[in-house]
Amino acid sequence: MNVVLWVLQILLALLFLAAGVAKSTMPKDRLQPRLPYVEDFSQGQMRAIGVVELLAAIGLVLPWATGIAPVLTPLAAAGLAVTMVLAAAVHRRRKEPMTVNLVLLAMTVIVAVGRF
């Protein structure tokens, strides 16, 4: 089970690291073609979401790997699970597919439960 959790943690960290970098550094107009939902948010909100994703990506791996405050890893996963529920709600409101959000939600819940 430990190997499965590590694989999920690393995969989630890479995905959220990439998403966080894009959202926290790119202007909205460059994100719009790939992420049409950004029109619902201000530039500041998108940057804040990106920073949250960056911090969570770090929190998924670093605390558990170093043994320093390892409780932060399941907390990061739980925080991302909440983020995915909110993201799914945005997509549902916009009548967009929620498949990716639900898969990421399942992965984050598995990590959170497995590491608590």
Protein backbone atom coordinates (compact mmCIF):
# COMPACT_ATOMS: atom_id res chain seq x y z
CA MET A 1 0.00 0.00 0.00
CA ASN A 2 2.90 2.35 0.73
CA VAL A 3 4.10 2.08 -2.88
CA VAL A 4 0.63 2.86 -4.24
CA LEU A 5 0.38 5.90 -1.99
CA TRP A 6 3.81 7.13 -3.09
CA VAL A 7 2.89 6.72 -6.75
CA LEU A 8 -0.34 8.66 -6.21
CA GLN A 9 1.43 11.36 -4.20
CA ILE A 10 4.10 11.89 -6.84
CA LEU A 11 1.62 11.84 -9.71
CA LEU A 12 -0.67 14.32 -7.95
CA ALA A 13 2.28 16.51 -7.00
CA LEU A 14 3.47 16.68 -10.62
CA LEU A 15 -0.02 17.46 -11.92
CA PHE A 16 -0.72 20.16 -9.36
CA LEU A 17 2.79 21.59 -9.66
CA ALA A 18 2.29 22.08 -13.40
CA ALA A 19 -1.21 23.51 -12.93
CA GLY A 20 -0.05 25.75 -10.09
CA VAL A 21 2.86 27.18 -12.04
CA ALA A 22 0.63 27.94 -15.02
CA LYS A 23 -2.13 29.55 -12.96
CA SER A 24 0.21 31.57 -10.76
CA THR A 25 2.46 32.91 -13.53
CA MET A 26 0.42 33.22 -16.74
CA PRO A 27 -2.02 36.02 -17.49
CA LYS A 28 -5.68 35.07 -17.84
CA ASP A 29 -5.78 35.67 -21.58
CA ARG A 30 -3.05 33.04 -22.13
CA LEU A 31 -4.86 30.53 -19.89
CA GLN A 32 -8.28 31.13 -21.49
CA PRO A 33 -7.84 28.89 -24.58
CA ARG A 34 -6.90 25.85 -22.45
CA LEU A 35 -8.95 26.67 -19.35
CA PRO A 36 -12.17 28.45 -20.41
CA TYR A 37 -13.45 28.63 -16.83
CA VAL A 38 -10.87 31.32 -15.98
CA GLU A 39 -13.32 33.91 -17.30
CA ASP A 40 -15.29 33.34 -14.07
CA PHE A 41 -12.33 34.44 -11.91
CA SER A 42 -10.17 37.53 -11.55
CA GLN A 43 -6.43 37.44 -12.24
CA GLY A 44 -5.80 37.61 -8.49
CA GLN A 45 -8.10 34.68 -7.81
CA MET A 46 -6.38 32.59 -10.48
CA ARG A 47 -2.97 33.41 -9.00
CA ALA A 48 -4.22 32.48 -5.52
CA ILE A 49 -5.56 29.15 -6.80
CA GLY A 50 -2.20 28.54 -8.45
CA VAL A 51 -0.27 29.28 -5.27
CA VAL A 52 -2.55 26.96 -3.28
CA GLU A 53 -1.92 24.20 -5.84
CA LEU A 54 1.84 24.80 -5.68
CA LEU A 55 1.92 24.63 -1.89
CA ALA A 56 -0.26 21.52 -1.87
CA ALA A 57 1.99 19.83 -4.44
CA ILE A 58 4.97 20.43 -2.17
CA GLY A 59 2.96 19.30 0.86
CA LEU A 60 2.03 16.02 -0.82
CA VAL A 61 5.65 14.86 -0.99
CA LEU A 62 8.11 16.84 1.10
CA PRO A 63 6.80 16.34 4.66
CA TRP A 64 6.32 12.58 4.28
CA ALA A 65 9.65 12.14 2.48
CA THR A 66 11.65 14.05 5.09
CA GLY A 67 9.73 12.94 8.16
CA ILE A 68 9.41 16.58 9.21
CA ALA A 69 5.77 17.26 10.13
CA PRO A 70 4.45 14.30 8.11
CA VAL A 71 0.88 15.15 9.15
CA LEU A 72 1.06 17.92 6.53
CA THR A 73 0.93 15.34 3.71
CA PRO A 74 -2.59 14.03 4.42
CA LEU A 75 -3.68 17.59 5.21
CA ALA A 76 -2.41 18.73 1.80
CA ALA A 77 -4.28 15.84 0.16
CA ALA A 78 -7.46 16.72 2.08
CA GLY A 79 -7.11 20.36 1.05
CA LEU A 80 -6.76 19.33 -2.58
CA ALA A 81 -9.84 17.12 -2.22
CA VAL A 82 -11.82 20.19 -1.11
CA THR A 83 -10.35 22.13 -4.02
CA MET A 84 -11.49 19.41 -6.44
CA VAL A 85 -15.03 19.45 -5.02
CA LEU A 86 -15.15 23.21 -5.57
CA ALA A 87 -13.64 22.87 -9.05
CA ALA A 88 -16.24 20.23 -9.96
CA ALA A 89 -18.96 22.62 -8.80
CA VAL A 90 -17.60 25.34 -11.11
CA HIS A 91 -17.53 22.93 -14.04
CA ARG A 92 -21.03 21.66 -13.23
CA ARG A 93 -22.35 25.22 -13.14
CA ARG A 94 -20.73 25.86 -16.54
CA LYS A 95 -22.11 22.54 -17.88
CA GLU A 96 -18.56 21.30 -18.56
CA PRO A 97 -17.26 17.76 -17.96
CA MET A 98 -16.17 17.04 -14.39
CA THR A 99 -14.41 13.73 -15.08
CA VAL A 100 -10.87 14.97 -14.42
CA ASN A 101 -11.94 16.66 -11.18
CA LEU A 102 -13.65 13.51 -9.93
CA VAL A 103 -10.62 11.33 -10.75
CA LEU A 104 -8.31 13.78 -8.97
CA LEU A 105 -10.76 13.90 -6.06
CA ALA A 106 -10.64 10.11 -5.73
CA MET A 107 -6.84 10.12 -5.86
CA THR A 108 -6.54 12.84 -3.20
CA VAL A 109 -9.02 11.08 -0.91
CA ILE A 110 -7.05 7.82 -1.21
CA VAL A 111 -3.83 9.64 -0.25
CA ALA A 112 -5.48 11.53 2.61
CA VAL A 113 -7.06 8.42 4.10
CA GLY A 114 -3.99 6.27 3.49
CA ARG A 115 -1.62 8.73 5.13
CA PHE A 116 -3.83 9.60 8.11
